[in-house]
Amino acid sequence: MQTLVDVSNHLSMTEKTASTMCRTLGIDWKNKTLDEIREVYILDLREKAAGRGGDDQGELTRARIRDTNASANLREIQYFESTGQLAAVEDLEPLLEAWATMGRSEFLNGINKIVADIEGAHGVVVDRVMVDGYAKAALDAVGDYPARVAQRDSAD
């Protein structure tokens, strides 16, 4: 029966490394021949070299998945770009700003018309500061797009 020193010498490694390797691979070195231990060790090395084994297998698999997903996303972007379905942010920015400005204007005009109708129909005076406060809060909640762009651009 061989010793752990025999196993380490047979595999050209330190005794500590041989012990760790036997434990990791589940090798009962006391009841296996040196040839059987070498065979298990070599098969493990082959699996690791092929990317199918070892401690880093999970991370390697996750990296391959990320790479596959990134490649698929890139192909999808290239497809949409080639079919004209992908627009650059620089091209959309002026359109979005014009849309947001028009939306704000229409919202405020609607509020003014509602206030005027209430005052005319009921003979009351509506507190414009209160109405303007509610309108401002609503616009802030929806997003003050042109002002945010101006702030962002001035910060750059």
C-alpha atoms as a PDB file:
ATOM      1  CA  MET A   1       0.000   0.000   0.000  1.00  0.00           C
ATOM      2  CA  GLN A   2       1.383   3.403  -1.027  1.00  0.00           C
ATOM      3  CA  THR A   3       1.614   6.537   1.078  1.00  0.00           C
ATOM      4  CA  LEU A   4       0.605  10.086   0.249  1.00  0.00           C
ATOM      5  CA  VAL A   5       4.288  10.768  -0.372  1.00  0.00           C
ATOM      6  CA  ASP A   6       4.229   8.045  -3.045  1.00  0.00           C
ATOM      7  CA  VAL A   7       1.176   9.680  -4.664  1.00  0.00           C
ATOM      8  CA  SER A   8       2.782  13.129  -4.617  1.00  0.00           C
ATOM      9  CA  ASN A   9       6.037  11.784  -6.107  1.00  0.00           C
ATOM     10  CA  HIS A  10       4.130   9.843  -8.772  1.00  0.00           C
ATOM     11  CA  LEU A  11       2.227  12.978  -9.846  1.00  0.00           C
ATOM     12  CA  SER A  12       5.188  15.374  -9.422  1.00  0.00           C
ATOM     13  CA  MET A  13       3.494  17.575  -6.833  1.00  0.00           C
ATOM     14  CA  THR A  14       3.877  18.428  -3.180  1.00  0.00           C
ATOM     15  CA  GLU A  15       2.350  16.219  -0.551  1.00  0.00           C
ATOM     16  CA  LYS A  16      -0.057  19.003   0.456  1.00  0.00           C
ATOM     17  CA  THR A  17      -1.171  19.477  -3.158  1.00  0.00           C
ATOM     18  CA  ALA A  18      -1.631  15.725  -3.558  1.00  0.00           C
ATOM     19  CA  SER A  19      -3.721  15.615  -0.385  1.00  0.00           C
ATOM     20  CA  THR A  20      -5.905  18.509  -1.551  1.00  0.00           C
ATOM     21  CA  MET A  21      -6.270  16.992  -5.019  1.00  0.00           C
ATOM     22  CA  CYS A  22      -7.302  13.587  -3.608  1.00  0.00           C
ATOM     23  CA  ARG A  23      -9.847  15.207  -1.303  1.00  0.00           C
ATOM     24  CA  THR A  24     -11.247  17.464  -4.062  1.00  0.00           C
ATOM     25  CA  LEU A  25     -11.564  14.614  -6.567  1.00  0.00           C
ATOM     26  CA  GLY A  26     -12.833  12.144  -3.971  1.00  0.00           C
ATOM     27  CA  ILE A  27      -9.897   9.778  -4.400  1.00  0.00           C
ATOM     28  CA  ASP A  28      -9.305   7.266  -1.593  1.00  0.00           C
ATOM     29  CA  TRP A  29      -5.532   7.161  -2.167  1.00  0.00           C
ATOM     30  CA  LYS A  30      -5.067   4.383   0.389  1.00  0.00           C
ATOM     31  CA  ASN A  31      -7.242   1.963  -1.605  1.00  0.00           C
ATOM     32  CA  LYS A  32      -6.334   2.976  -5.172  1.00  0.00           C
ATOM     33  CA  THR A  33      -3.294   2.141  -7.206  1.00  0.00           C
ATOM     34  CA  LEU A  34      -0.984   4.909  -8.376  1.00  0.00           C
ATOM     35  CA  ASP A  35      -2.140   4.279 -11.940  1.00  0.00           C
ATOM     36  CA  GLU A  36      -5.815   4.662 -10.937  1.00  0.00           C
ATOM     37  CA  ILE A  37      -5.054   7.906  -9.100  1.00  0.00           C
ATOM     38  CA  ARG A  38      -3.081   9.226 -12.082  1.00  0.00           C
ATOM     39  CA  GLU A  39      -5.961   8.374 -14.432  1.00  0.00           C
ATOM     40  CA  VAL A  40      -8.529  10.271 -12.321  1.00  0.00           C
ATOM     41  CA  TYR A  41      -6.116  13.195 -12.038  1.00  0.00           C
ATOM     42  CA  ILE A  42      -5.475  13.294 -15.802  1.00  0.00           C
ATOM     43  CA  LEU A  43      -9.207  13.075 -16.609  1.00  0.00           C
ATOM     44  CA  ASP A  44      -9.857  15.998 -14.251  1.00  0.00           C
ATOM     45  CA  LEU A  45      -7.114  18.008 -15.933  1.00  0.00           C
ATOM     46  CA  ARG A  46      -8.630  17.272 -19.350  1.00  0.00           C
ATOM     47  CA  GLU A  47     -12.075  18.418 -18.164  1.00  0.00           C
ATOM     48  CA  LYS A  48     -10.614  21.628 -16.801  1.00  0.00           C
ATOM     49  CA  ALA A  49      -8.640  22.244 -19.987  1.00  0.00           C
ATOM     50  CA  ALA A  50     -11.819  21.726 -22.040  1.00  0.00           C
ATOM     51  CA  GLY A  51     -13.662  24.216 -19.844  1.00  0.00           C
ATOM     52  CA  ARG A  52     -15.982  21.634 -18.318  1.00  0.00           C
ATOM     53  CA  GLY A  53     -14.628  21.370 -14.801  1.00  0.00           C
ATOM     54  CA  GLY A  54     -12.836  23.020 -11.959  1.00  0.00           C
ATOM     55  CA  ASP A  55     -13.654  25.619  -9.364  1.00  0.00           C
ATOM     56  CA  ASP A  56     -14.151  28.384 -11.927  1.00  0.00           C
ATOM     57  CA  GLN A  57     -16.676  26.440 -14.016  1.00  0.00           C
ATOM     58  CA  GLY A  58     -19.642  28.441 -12.737  1.00  0.00           C
ATOM     59  CA  GLU A  59     -17.966  31.759 -13.481  1.00  0.00           C
ATOM     60  CA  LEU A  60     -16.869  30.500 -16.894  1.00  0.00           C
ATOM     61  CA  THR A  61     -20.443  29.450 -17.683  1.00  0.00           C
ATOM     62  CA  ARG A  62     -21.782  32.850 -16.558  1.00  0.00           C
ATOM     63  CA  ALA A  63     -19.157  34.603 -18.708  1.00  0.00           C
ATOM     64  CA  ARG A  64     -20.147  32.514 -21.736  1.00  0.00           C
ATOM     65  CA  ILE A  65     -23.822  33.345 -21.149  1.00  0.00           C
ATOM     66  CA  ARG A  66     -23.008  37.083 -20.892  1.00  0.00           C
ATOM     67  CA  ASP A  67     -20.970  36.857 -24.099  1.00  0.00           C
ATOM     68  CA  THR A  68     -23.761  35.011 -25.906  1.00  0.00           C
ATOM     69  CA  ASN A  69     -26.352  37.558 -24.740  1.00  0.00           C
ATOM     70  CA  ALA A  70     -24.119  40.486 -25.714  1.00  0.00           C
ATOM     71  CA  SER A  71     -23.576  38.999 -29.183  1.00  0.00           C
ATOM     72  CA  ALA A  72     -27.314  38.450 -29.642  1.00  0.00           C
ATOM     73  CA  ASN A  73     -28.060  42.027 -28.517  1.00  0.00           C
ATOM     74  CA  LEU A  74     -25.444  43.416 -30.896  1.00  0.00           C
ATOM     75  CA  ARG A  75     -26.878  41.431 -33.819  1.00  0.00           C
ATOM     76  CA  GLU A  76     -30.365  42.704 -32.945  1.00  0.00           C
ATOM     77  CA  ILE A  77     -29.151  46.317 -32.839  1.00  0.00           C
ATOM     78  CA  GLN A  78     -27.368  45.855 -36.164  1.00  0.00           C
ATOM     79  CA  TYR A  79     -30.534  44.372 -37.674  1.00  0.00           C
ATOM     80  CA  PHE A  80     -32.721  47.268 -36.498  1.00  0.00           C
ATOM     81  CA  GLU A  81     -30.105  49.735 -37.694  1.00  0.00           C
ATOM     82  CA  SER A  82     -29.957  48.112 -41.149  1.00  0.00           C
ATOM     83  CA  THR A  83     -33.762  48.168 -41.487  1.00  0.00           C
ATOM     84  CA  GLY A  84     -34.022  51.815 -40.431  1.00  0.00           C
ATOM     85  CA  GLN A  85     -35.921  50.977 -37.242  1.00  0.00           C
ATOM     86  CA  LEU A  86     -33.203  52.305 -34.950  1.00  0.00           C
ATOM     87  CA  ALA A  87     -32.920  56.030 -34.376  1.00  0.00           C
ATOM     88  CA  ALA A  88     -30.062  57.922 -32.787  1.00  0.00           C
ATOM     89  CA  VAL A  89     -30.820  59.823 -29.586  1.00  0.00           C
ATOM     90  CA  GLU A  90     -29.429  62.967 -31.221  1.00  0.00           C
ATOM     91  CA  ASP A  91     -32.125  62.678 -33.908  1.00  0.00           C
ATOM     92  CA  LEU A  92     -34.919  62.124 -31.392  1.00  0.00           C
ATOM     93  CA  GLU A  93     -33.930  64.798 -28.880  1.00  0.00           C
ATOM     94  CA  PRO A  94     -35.365  67.791 -30.819  1.00  0.00           C
ATOM     95  CA  LEU A  95     -38.578  65.899 -31.529  1.00  0.00           C
ATOM     96  CA  LEU A  96     -39.026  64.958 -27.877  1.00  0.00           C
ATOM     97  CA  GLU A  97     -38.308  68.506 -26.747  1.00  0.00           C
ATOM     98  CA  ALA A  98     -40.882  69.924 -29.202  1.00  0.00           C
ATOM     99  CA  TRP A  99     -43.441  67.330 -28.089  1.00  0.00           C
ATOM    100  CA  ALA A 100     -42.839  68.069 -24.398  1.00  0.00           C
ATOM    101  CA  THR A 101     -43.034  71.835 -24.953  1.00  0.00           C
ATOM    102  CA  MET A 102     -46.299  71.467 -26.870  1.00  0.00           C
ATOM    103  CA  GLY A 103     -47.684  69.152 -24.164  1.00  0.00           C
ATOM    104  CA  ARG A 104     -46.843  71.627 -21.402  1.00  0.00           C
ATOM    105  CA  SER A 105     -48.438  74.457 -23.363  1.00  0.00           C
ATOM    106  CA  GLU A 106     -51.624  72.481 -24.028  1.00  0.00           C
ATOM    107  CA  PHE A 107     -51.869  71.446 -20.367  1.00  0.00           C
ATOM    108  CA  LEU A 108     -51.494  75.033 -19.125  1.00  0.00           C
ATOM    109  CA  ASN A 109     -53.970  76.347 -21.753  1.00  0.00           C
ATOM    110  CA  GLY A 110     -56.474  73.700 -20.652  1.00  0.00           C
ATOM    111  CA  ILE A 111     -56.086  74.736 -17.000  1.00  0.00           C
ATOM    112  CA  ASN A 112     -56.594  78.415 -17.938  1.00  0.00           C
ATOM    113  CA  LYS A 113     -59.741  77.570 -19.928  1.00  0.00           C
ATOM    114  CA  ILE A 114     -61.171  75.513 -17.069  1.00  0.00           C
ATOM    115  CA  VAL A 115     -60.518  78.349 -14.586  1.00  0.00           C
ATOM    116  CA  ALA A 116     -62.098  80.904 -16.957  1.00  0.00           C
ATOM    117  CA  ASP A 117     -65.173  78.676 -17.473  1.00  0.00           C
ATOM    118  CA  ILE A 118     -65.612  78.149 -13.723  1.00  0.00           C
ATOM    119  CA  GLU A 119     -65.272  81.872 -13.022  1.00  0.00           C
ATOM    120  CA  GLY A 120     -67.736  82.746 -15.842  1.00  0.00           C
ATOM    121  CA  ALA A 121     -70.300  80.083 -15.038  1.00  0.00           C
ATOM    122  CA  HIS A 122     -70.362  80.586 -11.270  1.00  0.00           C
ATOM    123  CA  GLY A 123     -69.389  84.211 -10.840  1.00  0.00           C
ATOM    124  CA  VAL A 124     -66.476  83.419  -8.561  1.00  0.00           C
ATOM    125  CA  VAL A 125     -62.818  84.324  -8.533  1.00  0.00           C
ATOM    126  CA  VAL A 126     -60.474  81.332  -8.541  1.00  0.00           C
ATOM    127  CA  ASP A 127     -57.193  81.629  -6.627  1.00  0.00           C
ATOM    128  CA  ARG A 128     -54.652  81.587  -9.473  1.00  0.00           C
ATOM    129  CA  VAL A 129     -51.712  81.019  -7.091  1.00  0.00           C
ATOM    130  CA  MET A 130     -53.360  77.806  -5.864  1.00  0.00           C
ATOM    131  CA  VAL A 131     -54.142  76.651  -9.433  1.00  0.00           C
ATOM    132  CA  ASP A 132     -50.628  77.490 -10.616  1.00  0.00           C
ATOM    133  CA  GLY A 133     -49.210  75.513  -7.673  1.00  0.00           C
ATOM    134  CA  TYR A 134     -51.250  72.441  -8.629  1.00  0.00           C
ATOM    135  CA  ALA A 135     -50.305  72.844 -12.292  1.00  0.00           C
ATOM    136  CA  LYS A 136     -46.617  73.157 -11.430  1.00  0.00           C
ATOM    137  CA  ALA A 137     -46.774  70.055  -9.225  1.00  0.00           C
ATOM    138  CA  ALA A 138     -48.435  68.111 -12.049  1.00  0.00           C
ATOM    139  CA  LEU A 139     -45.843  69.262 -14.580  1.00  0.00           C
ATOM    140  CA  ASP A 140     -43.023  68.403 -12.174  1.00  0.00           C
ATOM    141  CA  ALA A 141     -44.497  64.926 -11.667  1.00  0.00           C
ATOM    142  CA  VAL A 142     -44.774  64.310 -15.411  1.00  0.00           C
ATOM    143  CA  GLY A 143     -41.388  65.795 -16.054  1.00  0.00           C
ATOM    144  CA  ASP A 144     -40.225  69.218 -17.025  1.00  0.00           C
ATOM    145  CA  TYR A 145     -38.356  67.881 -20.022  1.00  0.00           C
ATOM    146  CA  PRO A 146     -37.103  71.107 -21.649  1.00  0.00           C
ATOM    147  CA  ALA A 147     -35.952  72.560 -18.324  1.00  0.00           C
ATOM    148  CA  ARG A 148     -34.176  69.309 -17.385  1.00  0.00           C
ATOM    149  CA  VAL A 149     -32.351  69.277 -20.719  1.00  0.00           C
ATOM    150  CA  ALA A 150     -31.290  72.905 -20.232  1.00  0.00           C
ATOM    151  CA  GLN A 151     -30.062  72.114 -16.713  1.00  0.00           C
ATOM    152  CA  ARG A 152     -28.177  69.049 -17.929  1.00  0.00           C
ATOM    153  CA  ASP A 153     -26.603  70.935 -20.817  1.00  0.00           C
ATOM    154  CA  SER A 154     -25.563  73.850 -18.604  1.00  0.00           C
ATOM    155  CA  ALA A 155     -24.015  71.412 -16.090  1.00  0.00           C
ATOM    156  CA  ASP A 156     -21.860  69.878 -18.847  1.00  0.00           C
END
